[in-house]
N, C-alpha and C. Protein backbone atom coordinates (compact mmCIF):
# COMPACT_ATOMS: atom_id res chain seq x y z
N MET A 1 154.84 84.60 119.90
CA MET A 1 155.31 84.56 118.32
C MET A 1 154.75 84.50 117.49
N ASP A 2 155.18 85.47 116.38
CA ASP A 2 154.66 85.40 115.02
C ASP A 2 154.84 84.51 114.30
N ILE A 3 153.59 83.73 113.41
CA ILE A 3 153.16 82.34 112.79
C ILE A 3 152.87 83.20 111.47
N ILE A 4 153.35 82.75 110.18
CA ILE A 4 153.11 82.93 108.74
C ILE A 4 152.72 81.76 108.17
N LEU A 5 151.33 81.89 107.85
CA LEU A 5 150.88 80.86 107.34
C LEU A 5 150.90 80.60 105.83
N VAL A 6 151.42 79.86 105.37
CA VAL A 6 151.74 79.66 103.44
C VAL A 6 150.82 78.53 103.23
N PRO A 7 150.14 78.66 102.54
CA PRO A 7 148.74 77.72 101.81
C PRO A 7 149.49 76.79 100.66
N GLY A 8 148.95 76.04 100.56
CA GLY A 8 149.48 75.50 99.02
C GLY A 8 149.09 75.44 97.95
N LEU A 9 148.76 74.88 96.84
CA LEU A 9 148.98 75.36 95.45
C LEU A 9 146.98 75.73 95.45
N TRP A 10 146.50 76.46 95.11
CA TRP A 10 145.07 76.96 94.37
C TRP A 10 144.13 77.66 95.76
N LEU A 11 145.13 78.20 96.92
CA LEU A 11 144.23 78.35 98.39
C LEU A 11 145.40 79.55 98.54
N ASP A 12 144.38 80.27 98.99
CA ASP A 12 144.71 81.73 99.39
C ASP A 12 144.78 81.93 101.15
N ALA A 13 145.16 82.71 101.17
CA ALA A 13 145.19 83.09 102.88
C ALA A 13 143.69 82.86 103.72
N SER A 14 142.60 82.56 103.22
CA SER A 14 141.27 82.53 103.84
C SER A 14 141.09 80.39 103.94
N SER A 15 142.02 79.76 103.17
CA SER A 15 142.27 78.55 103.80
C SER A 15 142.54 78.76 104.95
N TRP A 16 143.04 79.19 105.59
CA TRP A 16 143.43 79.38 107.18
C TRP A 16 142.78 79.68 108.30
N ASP A 17 141.30 79.50 107.79
CA ASP A 17 140.34 81.10 108.73
C ASP A 17 140.09 79.55 109.95
N ALA A 18 139.75 78.63 109.78
CA ALA A 18 139.48 77.62 110.45
C ALA A 18 140.22 77.26 111.62
N VAL A 19 141.81 77.56 111.34
CA VAL A 19 143.10 77.21 111.99
C VAL A 19 142.94 78.67 112.95
N THR A 20 143.05 79.64 112.28
CA THR A 20 143.57 81.07 112.85
C THR A 20 143.01 81.47 114.43
N PRO A 21 142.07 81.38 114.67
CA PRO A 21 141.47 81.26 116.12
C PRO A 21 142.18 80.56 117.51
N ALA A 22 142.38 79.50 117.22
CA ALA A 22 143.13 78.87 118.18
C ALA A 22 144.53 78.83 118.20
N LEU A 23 144.98 79.44 117.38
CA LEU A 23 146.43 79.76 116.70
C LEU A 23 146.47 81.39 117.86
N GLU A 24 145.82 82.18 117.24
CA GLU A 24 145.24 83.40 118.17
C GLU A 24 145.00 82.99 119.77
N ALA A 25 144.42 82.17 120.42
CA ALA A 25 144.03 81.76 121.54
C ALA A 25 145.17 81.57 122.33
N ALA A 26 146.21 81.14 121.65
CA ALA A 26 146.85 80.45 122.44
C ALA A 26 148.40 81.57 122.56
N GLY A 27 148.24 82.66 121.93
CA GLY A 27 148.72 83.83 121.85
C GLY A 27 149.56 84.10 121.06
N HIS A 28 149.40 84.15 119.87
CA HIS A 28 150.29 84.08 118.64
C HIS A 28 149.39 85.24 118.08
N ALA A 29 150.73 85.75 117.09
CA ALA A 29 150.36 86.15 116.16
C ALA A 29 150.42 85.75 114.73
N VAL A 30 149.17 85.69 113.91
CA VAL A 30 148.89 84.92 113.01
C VAL A 30 149.17 85.68 111.40
N HIS A 31 149.89 85.22 110.73
CA HIS A 31 150.20 86.32 109.07
C HIS A 31 149.65 85.27 108.15
N PRO A 32 148.37 84.85 108.32
CA PRO A 32 147.93 84.03 106.64
C PRO A 32 148.46 84.68 105.36
N LEU A 33 148.71 84.42 104.27
CA LEU A 33 149.47 85.00 103.16
C LEU A 33 148.70 84.32 102.31
N THR A 34 148.50 84.89 101.13
CA THR A 34 147.58 85.21 99.64
C THR A 34 149.05 85.35 99.06
N LEU A 35 149.55 84.02 97.97
CA LEU A 35 150.94 84.11 97.43
C LEU A 35 150.33 85.22 96.03
N PRO A 36 151.97 85.77 95.44
CA PRO A 36 151.38 86.48 94.21
C PRO A 36 150.61 85.69 92.90
N GLY A 37 149.78 86.26 92.42
CA GLY A 37 149.72 86.00 90.79
C GLY A 37 148.47 84.80 91.35
N LEU A 38 147.82 84.64 92.47
CA LEU A 38 147.15 83.59 92.59
C LEU A 38 145.25 83.65 92.11
N GLY A 39 144.83 83.36 91.03
CA GLY A 39 143.63 83.69 90.16
C GLY A 39 144.14 84.58 89.30
N VAL A 40 145.47 84.98 88.82
CA VAL A 40 145.57 85.88 87.62
C VAL A 40 145.63 85.05 86.78
N PRO A 41 144.61 85.85 85.54
CA PRO A 41 145.39 85.46 83.76
C PRO A 41 146.29 85.08 83.49
N ALA A 42 146.70 84.57 82.72
CA ALA A 42 148.02 84.74 82.42
C ALA A 42 149.34 85.65 82.02
N PRO A 43 148.51 86.40 80.90
CA PRO A 43 149.30 87.68 80.64
C PRO A 43 149.60 88.91 81.96
N ALA A 44 149.45 88.31 82.79
CA ALA A 44 149.78 89.16 84.10
C ALA A 44 150.13 88.33 84.84
N SER A 45 150.41 86.92 84.73
CA SER A 45 151.09 86.24 86.00
C SER A 45 152.33 85.09 85.57
N GLU A 46 151.84 85.27 83.94
CA GLU A 46 153.50 84.33 83.28
C GLU A 46 154.84 84.11 84.00
N SER A 47 154.89 85.61 84.05
CA SER A 47 156.47 86.04 84.77
C SER A 47 156.50 85.54 86.33
N ILE A 48 155.59 85.26 86.90
CA ILE A 48 155.62 84.95 88.44
C ILE A 48 156.18 83.53 88.61
N GLY A 49 157.37 83.02 89.59
CA GLY A 49 157.82 81.91 89.60
C GLY A 49 157.85 81.57 91.10
N MET A 50 158.76 80.58 91.59
CA MET A 50 158.94 80.36 92.72
C MET A 50 159.70 81.55 93.59
N ALA A 51 160.34 82.47 92.98
CA ALA A 51 161.06 82.65 93.82
C ALA A 51 160.56 84.17 94.29
N ASP A 52 159.35 84.61 93.08
CA ASP A 52 158.49 85.97 93.78
C ASP A 52 157.93 85.07 94.83
N TRP A 53 157.37 83.86 94.93
CA TRP A 53 156.37 83.05 96.20
C TRP A 53 157.58 83.29 97.68
N VAL A 54 158.67 82.89 97.34
CA VAL A 54 159.71 82.87 98.35
C VAL A 54 160.04 84.21 98.60
N ASP A 55 160.46 85.57 97.54
CA ASP A 55 160.04 86.44 98.18
C ASP A 55 158.70 87.22 98.76
N ALA A 56 157.81 86.92 98.65
CA ALA A 56 156.70 87.24 99.38
C ALA A 56 156.55 86.63 101.12
N VAL A 57 157.04 85.62 101.48
CA VAL A 57 157.17 85.58 102.83
C VAL A 57 158.42 85.92 103.31
N VAL A 58 159.63 85.92 102.36
CA VAL A 58 160.72 86.82 102.89
C VAL A 58 160.12 88.30 103.57
N ALA A 59 159.38 88.62 102.49
CA ALA A 59 159.10 90.29 103.08
C ALA A 59 158.31 90.10 104.33
N GLU A 60 157.34 88.98 104.79
CA GLU A 60 156.41 89.19 105.55
C GLU A 60 157.58 88.49 106.91
N ILE A 61 158.68 88.19 106.85
CA ILE A 61 159.35 87.68 107.85
C ILE A 61 159.63 88.88 108.29
N ASP A 62 160.26 89.83 106.96
CA ASP A 62 160.93 91.15 107.50
C ASP A 62 160.34 92.59 107.83
N ALA A 63 159.06 92.08 108.21
CA ALA A 63 158.19 92.53 108.57
C ALA A 63 157.85 92.70 109.94
N VAL A 64 158.00 91.45 110.52
CA VAL A 64 157.97 91.47 111.58
C VAL A 64 159.23 91.74 112.57
N ASP A 65 158.95 92.09 114.05
CA ASP A 65 160.11 92.76 114.88
C ASP A 65 160.91 91.03 115.11
N GLY A 66 160.33 90.13 115.18
CA GLY A 66 161.65 89.27 115.81
C GLY A 66 161.54 88.03 114.92
N PRO A 67 161.58 86.07 115.97
CA PRO A 67 161.81 85.21 114.89
C PRO A 67 160.62 85.42 114.64
N ALA A 68 160.08 84.29 113.37
CA ALA A 68 158.79 84.11 113.11
C ALA A 68 159.27 82.69 112.70
N VAL A 69 157.89 81.67 112.88
CA VAL A 69 157.49 80.57 112.81
C VAL A 69 156.86 79.83 111.06
N LEU A 70 157.46 79.62 110.47
CA LEU A 70 156.58 79.74 109.12
C LEU A 70 155.94 78.43 109.42
N VAL A 71 154.82 78.09 108.53
CA VAL A 71 153.89 77.08 108.19
C VAL A 71 153.67 76.52 106.45
N GLY A 72 153.91 75.92 105.95
CA GLY A 72 153.89 75.80 104.80
C GLY A 72 152.64 74.24 104.67
N HIS A 73 151.90 74.52 103.66
CA HIS A 73 150.73 72.89 104.00
C HIS A 73 151.81 72.80 101.73
N SER A 74 151.76 71.76 101.68
CA SER A 74 151.56 71.34 100.50
C SER A 74 152.45 71.77 99.76
N GLY A 75 152.45 72.12 98.64
CA GLY A 75 153.46 72.75 97.70
C GLY A 75 154.33 74.28 98.61
N GLY A 76 153.16 74.78 99.99
CA GLY A 76 153.70 75.22 100.53
C GLY A 76 154.95 74.95 100.86
N GLY A 77 155.65 73.96 100.99
CA GLY A 77 156.44 73.79 101.81
C GLY A 77 157.69 74.32 101.13
N ASN A 78 157.47 73.82 99.85
CA ASN A 78 158.88 74.76 98.96
C ASN A 78 158.87 76.11 98.82
N VAL A 79 157.86 77.12 99.30
CA VAL A 79 158.00 78.30 99.29
C VAL A 79 158.43 78.12 100.82
N VAL A 80 158.20 77.88 102.01
CA VAL A 80 158.69 77.74 103.28
C VAL A 80 159.99 77.70 103.51
N TRP A 81 160.16 76.35 102.66
CA TRP A 81 161.63 76.18 102.89
C TRP A 81 162.92 77.04 101.76
N GLY A 82 162.42 77.95 100.99
CA GLY A 82 162.90 78.46 100.32
C GLY A 82 163.58 79.67 100.93
N ALA A 83 161.70 80.37 102.01
CA ALA A 83 162.11 81.31 103.29
C ALA A 83 163.00 81.29 103.80
N ALA A 84 163.21 79.65 104.66
CA ALA A 84 163.88 79.42 106.00
C ALA A 84 165.42 79.74 105.48
N ASP A 85 165.87 79.57 104.15
CA ASP A 85 167.41 79.54 103.22
C ASP A 85 167.92 80.43 103.26
N ALA A 86 166.73 81.78 102.99
CA ALA A 86 166.91 82.91 102.56
C ALA A 86 166.98 84.16 104.09
N ARG A 87 166.22 83.36 105.17
CA ARG A 87 166.54 83.96 106.12
C ARG A 87 167.12 83.11 107.46
N PRO A 88 167.40 82.32 107.38
CA PRO A 88 167.89 81.29 108.59
C PRO A 88 168.11 81.91 109.66
N ASP A 89 168.56 83.23 109.87
CA ASP A 89 168.86 83.53 111.24
C ASP A 89 167.55 84.41 111.97
N ARG A 90 166.47 84.15 111.11
CA ARG A 90 165.26 84.98 111.92
C ARG A 90 163.55 84.13 111.59
N VAL A 91 164.16 82.66 111.48
CA VAL A 91 162.93 81.95 111.51
C VAL A 91 163.17 80.91 112.68
N ALA A 92 161.94 80.85 113.58
CA ALA A 92 162.58 79.98 114.48
C ALA A 92 162.34 78.49 114.76
N ARG A 93 161.27 78.37 113.40
CA ARG A 93 160.87 76.83 113.57
C ARG A 93 160.37 76.92 111.77
N VAL A 94 160.29 75.49 110.97
CA VAL A 94 159.27 75.55 110.04
C VAL A 94 158.34 74.21 110.01
N VAL A 95 156.99 74.62 110.12
CA VAL A 95 156.27 72.97 110.01
C VAL A 95 155.98 73.07 108.95
N PHE A 96 156.01 72.12 108.23
CA PHE A 96 155.78 71.20 106.96
C PHE A 96 154.23 70.54 107.33
N VAL A 97 153.05 70.82 106.96
CA VAL A 97 151.99 70.40 107.30
C VAL A 97 151.79 69.39 105.47
N ASP A 98 152.13 67.96 105.99
CA ASP A 98 151.60 66.90 105.07
C ASP A 98 152.79 66.96 103.53
N THR A 99 153.64 67.39 103.88
CA THR A 99 154.85 67.62 102.60
C THR A 99 156.25 67.61 103.51
N VAL A 100 157.40 67.59 102.51
CA VAL A 100 158.71 67.16 103.06
C VAL A 100 159.54 68.48 102.23
N PRO A 101 160.53 69.09 103.23
CA PRO A 101 161.55 69.71 103.22
C PRO A 101 161.95 69.71 101.51
N PRO A 102 161.96 70.16 100.29
CA PRO A 102 162.73 69.71 99.01
C PRO A 102 163.98 70.12 98.85
N PRO A 103 164.73 69.18 98.12
CA PRO A 103 166.20 69.74 97.51
C PRO A 103 166.47 70.89 97.00
N ALA A 104 167.53 71.24 97.20
CA ALA A 104 167.78 72.24 96.11
C ALA A 104 167.23 72.01 94.28
N GLY A 105 166.96 72.69 93.51
CA GLY A 105 167.31 72.78 91.90
C GLY A 105 165.58 71.89 91.87
N GLN A 106 164.64 71.41 92.89
CA GLN A 106 163.14 70.64 92.79
C GLN A 106 162.22 71.37 92.94
N GLY A 107 161.01 70.81 91.77
CA GLY A 107 159.92 71.72 91.84
C GLY A 107 158.85 71.03 92.66
N ILE A 108 157.39 71.53 92.73
CA ILE A 108 156.61 70.76 93.55
C ILE A 108 156.08 69.62 92.99
N SER A 109 155.24 69.85 91.30
CA SER A 109 155.15 68.69 91.02
C SER A 109 154.32 69.10 89.48
N GLU A 110 154.30 68.13 88.61
CA GLU A 110 153.68 68.93 87.20
C GLU A 110 152.15 68.92 87.44
N PHE A 111 151.66 69.58 86.75
CA PHE A 111 150.00 70.02 86.17
C PHE A 111 149.96 70.21 85.36
N GLU A 112 148.35 69.68 84.47
CA GLU A 112 148.16 70.72 83.42
C GLU A 112 148.13 71.97 83.04
N LEU A 113 148.51 72.73 81.95
CA LEU A 113 147.92 74.24 81.88
C LEU A 113 147.00 74.06 81.04
N VAL A 114 146.41 75.58 81.33
CA VAL A 114 145.00 75.61 80.53
C VAL A 114 144.74 76.97 80.43
N ASP A 115 145.35 77.45 79.40
CA ASP A 115 145.23 79.08 78.92
C ASP A 115 146.77 79.51 79.73
N GLY A 116 147.43 78.98 79.97
CA GLY A 116 149.28 79.59 80.50
C GLY A 116 148.85 79.25 82.04
N VAL A 117 147.50 79.09 82.37
CA VAL A 117 147.67 78.86 84.44
C VAL A 117 147.47 77.20 84.65
N VAL A 118 147.39 77.15 85.84
CA VAL A 118 147.50 75.96 86.09
C VAL A 118 146.37 75.83 87.49
N PRO A 119 145.07 75.44 87.02
CA PRO A 119 143.56 75.54 87.36
C PRO A 119 143.18 74.28 88.47
N PHE A 120 142.42 74.63 89.83
CA PHE A 120 142.39 73.06 90.15
C PHE A 120 141.93 71.77 89.72
N PRO A 121 142.91 71.36 89.57
CA PRO A 121 142.48 70.09 89.04
C PRO A 121 141.25 68.58 89.46
N GLY A 122 140.62 69.35 90.16
CA GLY A 122 139.43 68.51 90.82
C GLY A 122 139.80 67.69 92.25
N TRP A 123 138.89 67.23 92.74
CA TRP A 123 139.18 66.26 93.74
C TRP A 123 139.36 64.62 93.38
N ASP A 124 139.22 64.67 92.10
CA ASP A 124 139.28 63.36 91.17
C ASP A 124 140.83 63.07 91.13
N PHE A 125 141.26 64.06 90.94
CA PHE A 125 143.04 64.14 90.76
C PHE A 125 143.81 63.45 91.89
N PHE A 126 143.10 63.43 93.05
CA PHE A 126 143.76 62.87 94.31
C PHE A 126 143.40 61.61 94.41
N ASP A 127 144.64 61.17 95.19
CA ASP A 127 144.40 59.94 95.63
C ASP A 127 143.50 59.91 97.07
N ASP A 128 142.77 58.49 97.27
CA ASP A 128 141.65 58.71 98.50
C ASP A 128 142.26 59.01 99.57
N ARG A 129 143.67 58.28 99.84
CA ARG A 129 143.98 58.89 101.01
C ARG A 129 144.17 60.08 100.96
N GLU A 130 144.58 61.19 100.24
CA GLU A 130 144.67 62.59 100.57
C GLU A 130 143.13 62.97 100.31
N VAL A 131 142.23 62.31 100.42
CA VAL A 131 140.64 63.19 100.94
C VAL A 131 139.50 62.69 101.37
N TYR A 132 139.74 61.27 101.66
CA TYR A 132 139.04 60.23 102.25
C TYR A 132 137.92 61.33 103.47
N ASP A 133 139.07 62.06 104.15
CA ASP A 133 138.14 62.81 104.97
C ASP A 133 137.14 64.52 105.02
N LEU A 134 137.12 64.54 103.40
CA LEU A 134 136.84 65.72 103.16
C LEU A 134 135.33 65.37 102.48
N ASP A 135 134.29 65.80 103.57
CA ASP A 135 133.28 65.63 103.33
C ASP A 135 132.72 65.97 101.85
N ALA A 136 131.73 66.02 101.48
CA ALA A 136 130.92 66.86 100.05
C ALA A 136 130.88 67.82 100.22
N PRO A 137 130.18 68.79 101.16
CA PRO A 137 130.10 70.06 100.94
C PRO A 137 131.63 70.70 101.19
N THR A 138 132.55 70.15 102.03
CA THR A 138 133.99 70.94 102.04
C THR A 138 134.49 71.12 100.66
N ARG A 139 134.18 69.77 100.13
CA ARG A 139 134.80 69.37 98.58
C ARG A 139 134.05 71.04 97.76
N GLU A 140 133.06 70.81 97.93
CA GLU A 140 132.20 71.63 96.84
C GLU A 140 132.73 73.52 97.10
N GLU A 141 132.67 73.07 98.47
CA GLU A 141 133.00 74.67 98.75
C GLU A 141 134.64 75.23 98.12
N TRP A 142 135.14 73.84 98.51
CA TRP A 142 136.64 74.84 98.36
C TRP A 142 136.87 74.85 97.04
N ALA A 143 136.43 73.48 96.33
CA ALA A 143 136.57 73.54 94.58
C ALA A 143 136.25 74.80 93.92
N SER A 144 135.24 75.48 94.17
CA SER A 144 134.39 76.90 93.79
C SER A 144 135.27 77.88 94.84
N ARG A 145 136.00 77.91 95.26
CA ARG A 145 137.21 78.85 95.99
C ARG A 145 138.49 78.64 95.67
N ALA A 146 138.87 77.43 94.72
CA ALA A 146 140.09 77.50 94.35
C ALA A 146 140.03 78.25 93.20
N ARG A 147 141.53 78.33 93.19
CA ARG A 147 142.15 79.81 92.42
C ARG A 147 143.33 79.23 91.16
N SER A 148 143.45 79.26 90.35
CA SER A 148 144.25 79.24 89.22
C SER A 148 146.05 79.96 90.06
N VAL A 149 146.77 78.89 89.43
CA VAL A 149 148.40 79.22 90.41
C VAL A 149 148.97 79.47 88.74
N PRO A 150 150.06 80.33 88.80
CA PRO A 150 150.91 80.83 87.75
C PRO A 150 151.31 79.67 87.19
N GLY A 151 151.39 79.47 85.73
CA GLY A 151 151.75 78.67 84.91
C GLY A 151 153.50 77.89 85.40
N ARG A 152 153.92 78.67 85.71
CA ARG A 152 155.46 78.36 86.23
C ARG A 152 155.87 78.19 87.32
N VAL A 153 155.04 77.98 88.65
CA VAL A 153 154.94 77.72 89.65
C VAL A 153 155.16 76.46 90.45
N PRO A 154 154.12 75.48 89.71
CA PRO A 154 154.51 74.14 90.28
C PRO A 154 155.85 73.44 89.95
N THR A 155 156.36 73.90 88.72
CA THR A 155 158.05 73.49 87.86
C THR A 155 159.08 74.07 88.09
N ASP A 156 159.10 75.02 88.58
CA ASP A 156 160.41 75.97 89.21
C ASP A 156 161.03 75.50 89.96
N PRO A 157 162.02 75.09 89.78
CA PRO A 157 163.20 74.59 91.22
C PRO A 157 163.06 75.97 92.07
N ILE A 158 163.21 75.21 93.08
CA ILE A 158 164.01 76.09 94.17
C ILE A 158 165.03 75.92 94.43
N SER A 159 165.87 77.26 94.67
CA SER A 159 166.81 78.08 94.86
C SER A 159 167.13 77.97 96.19
N LEU A 160 168.10 77.22 96.73
CA LEU A 160 168.60 76.96 98.31
C LEU A 160 170.02 76.91 98.18
N THR A 161 170.78 78.19 98.86
CA THR A 161 172.03 78.04 99.07
C THR A 161 172.79 78.48 100.15
N ASP A 162 172.35 78.22 101.17
CA ASP A 162 172.38 78.89 102.83
C ASP A 162 172.56 77.78 103.78
N GLU A 163 173.48 76.53 104.05
CA GLU A 163 173.72 75.39 104.23
C GLU A 163 172.78 75.86 105.68
N ARG A 164 172.84 76.76 106.28
CA ARG A 164 172.45 77.13 107.60
C ARG A 164 170.98 76.92 107.89
N ARG A 165 169.83 77.12 106.55
CA ARG A 165 169.04 76.58 106.92
C ARG A 165 168.26 75.44 107.76
N ARG A 166 169.94 74.20 107.25
CA ARG A 166 169.08 72.96 108.11
C ARG A 166 169.65 72.97 109.93
N SER A 167 169.63 74.15 110.42
CA SER A 167 169.97 74.82 111.62
C SER A 167 168.61 74.93 112.14
N VAL A 168 167.77 75.12 111.12
CA VAL A 168 166.50 76.04 112.13
C VAL A 168 165.58 74.72 112.36
N PRO A 169 165.08 74.05 113.30
CA PRO A 169 164.03 73.15 114.04
C PRO A 169 163.03 72.93 112.78
N VAL A 170 162.61 71.68 112.55
CA VAL A 170 161.43 71.34 111.75
C VAL A 170 160.74 70.60 112.10
N THR A 171 159.21 70.83 112.33
CA THR A 171 158.00 69.89 112.69
C THR A 171 157.21 69.58 111.06
N LEU A 172 157.87 68.17 110.65
CA LEU A 172 156.80 67.39 109.74
C LEU A 172 155.39 67.48 110.03
N LEU A 173 154.36 67.71 110.12
CA LEU A 173 153.01 67.11 110.38
C LEU A 173 152.38 66.57 109.12
N SER A 174 152.88 65.00 109.34
CA SER A 174 152.21 63.98 108.51
C SER A 174 150.53 63.54 108.50
N GLY A 175 149.97 63.80 107.44
CA GLY A 175 148.68 62.92 107.59
C GLY A 175 148.47 61.61 107.72
N GLY A 176 149.06 60.87 107.38
CA GLY A 176 149.31 59.39 107.41
C GLY A 176 149.86 58.77 107.99
N MET A 177 151.44 59.22 108.12
CA MET A 177 152.24 58.47 108.28
C MET A 177 152.98 58.93 109.50
N THR A 178 153.83 57.62 110.46
CA THR A 178 154.19 58.07 111.39
C THR A 178 155.71 58.52 111.08
N GLU A 179 156.90 58.19 112.28
CA GLU A 179 158.06 58.67 111.67
C GLU A 179 158.79 58.00 111.05
N ASP A 180 158.74 56.36 111.48
CA ASP A 180 159.11 55.09 110.88
C ASP A 180 158.77 55.29 109.73
N GLU A 181 157.67 55.41 109.50
CA GLU A 181 157.01 55.06 107.74
C GLU A 181 157.31 56.25 106.85
N LEU A 182 157.54 57.56 107.70
CA LEU A 182 157.95 58.42 106.73
C LEU A 182 159.67 58.29 106.32
N ARG A 183 160.03 58.27 106.98
CA ARG A 183 161.20 58.11 106.76
C ARG A 183 161.96 56.76 105.96
N ALA A 184 160.97 55.61 105.89
CA ALA A 184 161.52 54.69 105.38
C ALA A 184 160.85 55.06 104.01
N GLU A 185 159.98 55.93 103.72
CA GLU A 185 159.45 56.24 102.34
C GLU A 185 160.46 57.15 101.70
N LEU A 186 160.58 57.99 102.75
CA LEU A 186 161.76 58.89 101.67
C LEU A 186 162.86 58.49 101.30
N ALA A 187 163.24 57.45 102.30
CA ALA A 187 164.39 56.51 102.27
C ALA A 187 164.80 56.11 100.22
N LYS A 188 163.54 56.11 99.61
CA LYS A 188 163.03 56.16 98.48
C LYS A 188 163.37 56.97 97.43
N TRP A 189 163.48 58.13 98.16
CA TRP A 189 163.72 59.43 97.18
C TRP A 189 165.13 60.21 97.00
N GLY A 190 165.63 59.49 97.32
CA GLY A 190 166.79 60.05 96.66
C GLY A 190 167.21 61.72 97.57
N PRO A 191 167.34 62.86 96.80
CA PRO A 191 167.88 64.10 97.29
C PRO A 191 166.91 64.43 97.87
N TRP A 192 165.65 64.12 97.96
CA TRP A 192 164.88 64.52 99.18
C TRP A 192 165.14 63.99 100.81
N ALA A 193 165.03 62.83 100.50
CA ALA A 193 165.67 62.50 102.10
C ALA A 193 167.65 62.82 102.50
N GLU A 194 168.16 62.89 101.72
CA GLU A 194 169.09 63.65 101.70
C GLU A 194 169.00 64.89 102.46
N GLU A 195 168.08 65.67 102.28
CA GLU A 195 167.77 67.14 102.50
C GLU A 195 167.09 66.77 104.12
N PHE A 196 166.05 65.81 104.31
CA PHE A 196 165.82 65.61 105.42
C PHE A 196 166.42 65.30 106.72
N GLU A 197 167.54 64.30 105.85
CA GLU A 197 168.42 63.55 107.27
C GLU A 197 169.40 64.59 107.74
N ALA A 198 170.14 65.78 106.78
CA ALA A 198 170.67 66.56 106.79
C ALA A 198 170.40 67.48 107.83
N ILE A 199 168.97 67.64 108.34
CA ILE A 199 168.68 68.74 109.05
C ILE A 199 169.19 68.34 110.78
N ASP A 200 169.27 69.41 111.18
CA ASP A 200 169.97 69.11 112.67
C ASP A 200 168.72 68.53 114.07
N ASP A 201 167.89 69.32 113.75
CA ASP A 201 166.57 68.95 114.38
C ASP A 201 165.43 69.02 113.63
N ALA A 202 164.76 67.65 113.69
CA ALA A 202 163.51 66.58 113.04
C ALA A 202 162.73 66.24 113.47
N GLU A 203 161.11 66.57 114.14
CA GLU A 203 160.71 65.77 113.96
C GLU A 203 159.67 65.30 113.61
N VAL A 204 158.90 64.13 113.42
CA VAL A 204 157.47 64.12 112.48
C VAL A 204 156.23 63.45 113.50
N VAL A 205 155.18 64.19 113.28
CA VAL A 205 154.06 64.24 113.88
C VAL A 205 153.16 63.43 113.44
N LYS A 206 152.38 62.11 113.63
CA LYS A 206 151.46 61.74 112.99
C LYS A 206 150.02 62.48 113.35
N LEU A 207 148.94 63.30 112.12
CA LEU A 207 147.70 63.91 112.37
C LEU A 207 146.95 62.93 112.72
N GLY A 208 146.86 62.01 111.29
CA GLY A 208 145.77 61.31 111.28
C GLY A 208 144.69 61.55 110.44
N THR A 209 145.30 62.47 109.65
CA THR A 209 144.24 63.01 108.62
C THR A 209 144.73 62.60 107.04
N GLY A 210 143.95 63.19 106.49
CA GLY A 210 144.10 63.30 105.04
C GLY A 210 145.01 64.37 104.09
N HIS A 211 144.83 64.95 103.36
CA HIS A 211 146.18 66.00 102.76
C HIS A 211 145.78 67.62 102.82
N TRP A 212 144.43 67.55 103.88
CA TRP A 212 143.81 68.77 103.81
C TRP A 212 143.41 69.21 105.22
N PRO A 213 144.12 68.76 106.33
CA PRO A 213 143.47 68.87 107.62
C PRO A 213 143.37 70.38 108.22
N GLN A 214 143.14 71.47 107.25
CA GLN A 214 142.61 72.91 107.45
C GLN A 214 141.60 72.67 107.47
N PHE A 215 140.83 72.08 106.30
CA PHE A 215 139.61 71.63 106.51
C PHE A 215 138.84 70.60 107.05
N SER A 216 139.73 69.39 107.33
CA SER A 216 139.42 68.40 107.89
C SER A 216 139.18 67.96 109.43
N GLN A 217 139.93 68.72 109.91
CA GLN A 217 140.36 68.87 111.31
C GLN A 217 141.12 69.85 111.67
N PRO A 218 140.89 71.20 111.63
CA PRO A 218 141.35 72.27 111.90
C PRO A 218 141.64 73.07 112.99
N ASP A 219 141.18 71.92 114.22
CA ASP A 219 141.32 72.35 115.70
C ASP A 219 142.74 71.65 116.09
N GLU A 220 142.66 70.12 115.32
CA GLU A 220 143.93 69.36 115.71
C GLU A 220 144.90 69.75 114.97
N LEU A 221 144.62 70.74 114.09
CA LEU A 221 145.92 71.24 113.08
C LEU A 221 146.69 72.54 113.78
N ALA A 222 145.42 72.56 114.58
CA ALA A 222 146.00 74.76 115.06
C ALA A 222 146.88 73.75 116.58
N GLN A 223 146.32 72.86 117.27
CA GLN A 223 146.63 72.21 118.35
C GLN A 223 148.64 71.52 118.13
N ALA A 224 148.48 71.20 116.97
CA ALA A 224 149.45 70.32 116.26
C ALA A 224 150.44 71.67 116.11
N ILE A 225 150.14 72.92 115.36
CA ILE A 225 150.85 73.62 115.45
C ILE A 225 151.72 74.35 116.64
N VAL A 226 150.89 74.54 117.72
CA VAL A 226 150.91 75.28 118.70
C VAL A 226 151.84 74.97 119.95
N ALA A 227 152.09 73.09 119.63
CA ALA A 227 152.65 72.26 120.02
C ALA A 227 153.71 72.09 119.74
N ALA A 228 153.93 72.17 118.03
CA ALA A 228 155.49 72.62 117.60
C ALA A 228 156.20 74.02 117.82
N VAL A 229 155.54 75.46 118.20
CA VAL A 229 155.87 76.39 117.91
C VAL A 229 156.89 77.03 119.93
N ASP A 230 155.83 75.69 120.51
CA ASP A 230 155.79 75.78 122.13
C ASP A 230 157.33 74.78 122.51
N ARG A 231 157.57 74.00 121.97
CA ARG A 231 158.97 73.20 121.73
C ARG A 231 159.80 73.97 122.27
């Protein structure tokens, strides 16, 4: 199976480096992506929005011969869901890594703009439950490797127009919540809950990690992705 790996904000294709060997050992062809405009100053990236990120994933789907599995971490969840909407007949499964499918018209989140781009805000920006399992060397390494995001991308509304996306099987790899806990939390989120409940085949798997399992528990994350692909 072709597996397309989409990183979250500030991360490039190399953020999947510790995960890809186990996926390849399981017999899968792995395609980690770096999305357009990452690390590019505002004059050259200010026109790049969510649609461009979705288009980059769609192009990768179109480049493989058969159906693909899409894996999106964090903000990459919006990207892969947009791509599944664009190519519902070419996507075998969507795997969300500590994020949920967005409803139409919603962005990822809001972050401070600096010189027209969104720089990595630092680990102190995040809740302890998200970063507790990242040791100091890991935090230092990835803070230095994080790259700015085009200013429009985090707040750009996702365009979803094909309800066939909801027939694509979904696996949600939750860092810290069980399925019951996640569904109870989603019930407070209005349209996010409606989008998730409308999916024909959705499962939730608790990883028992923080928000960046590709850094803290890459082998466990790879095994969970393989299990999702093999369902």
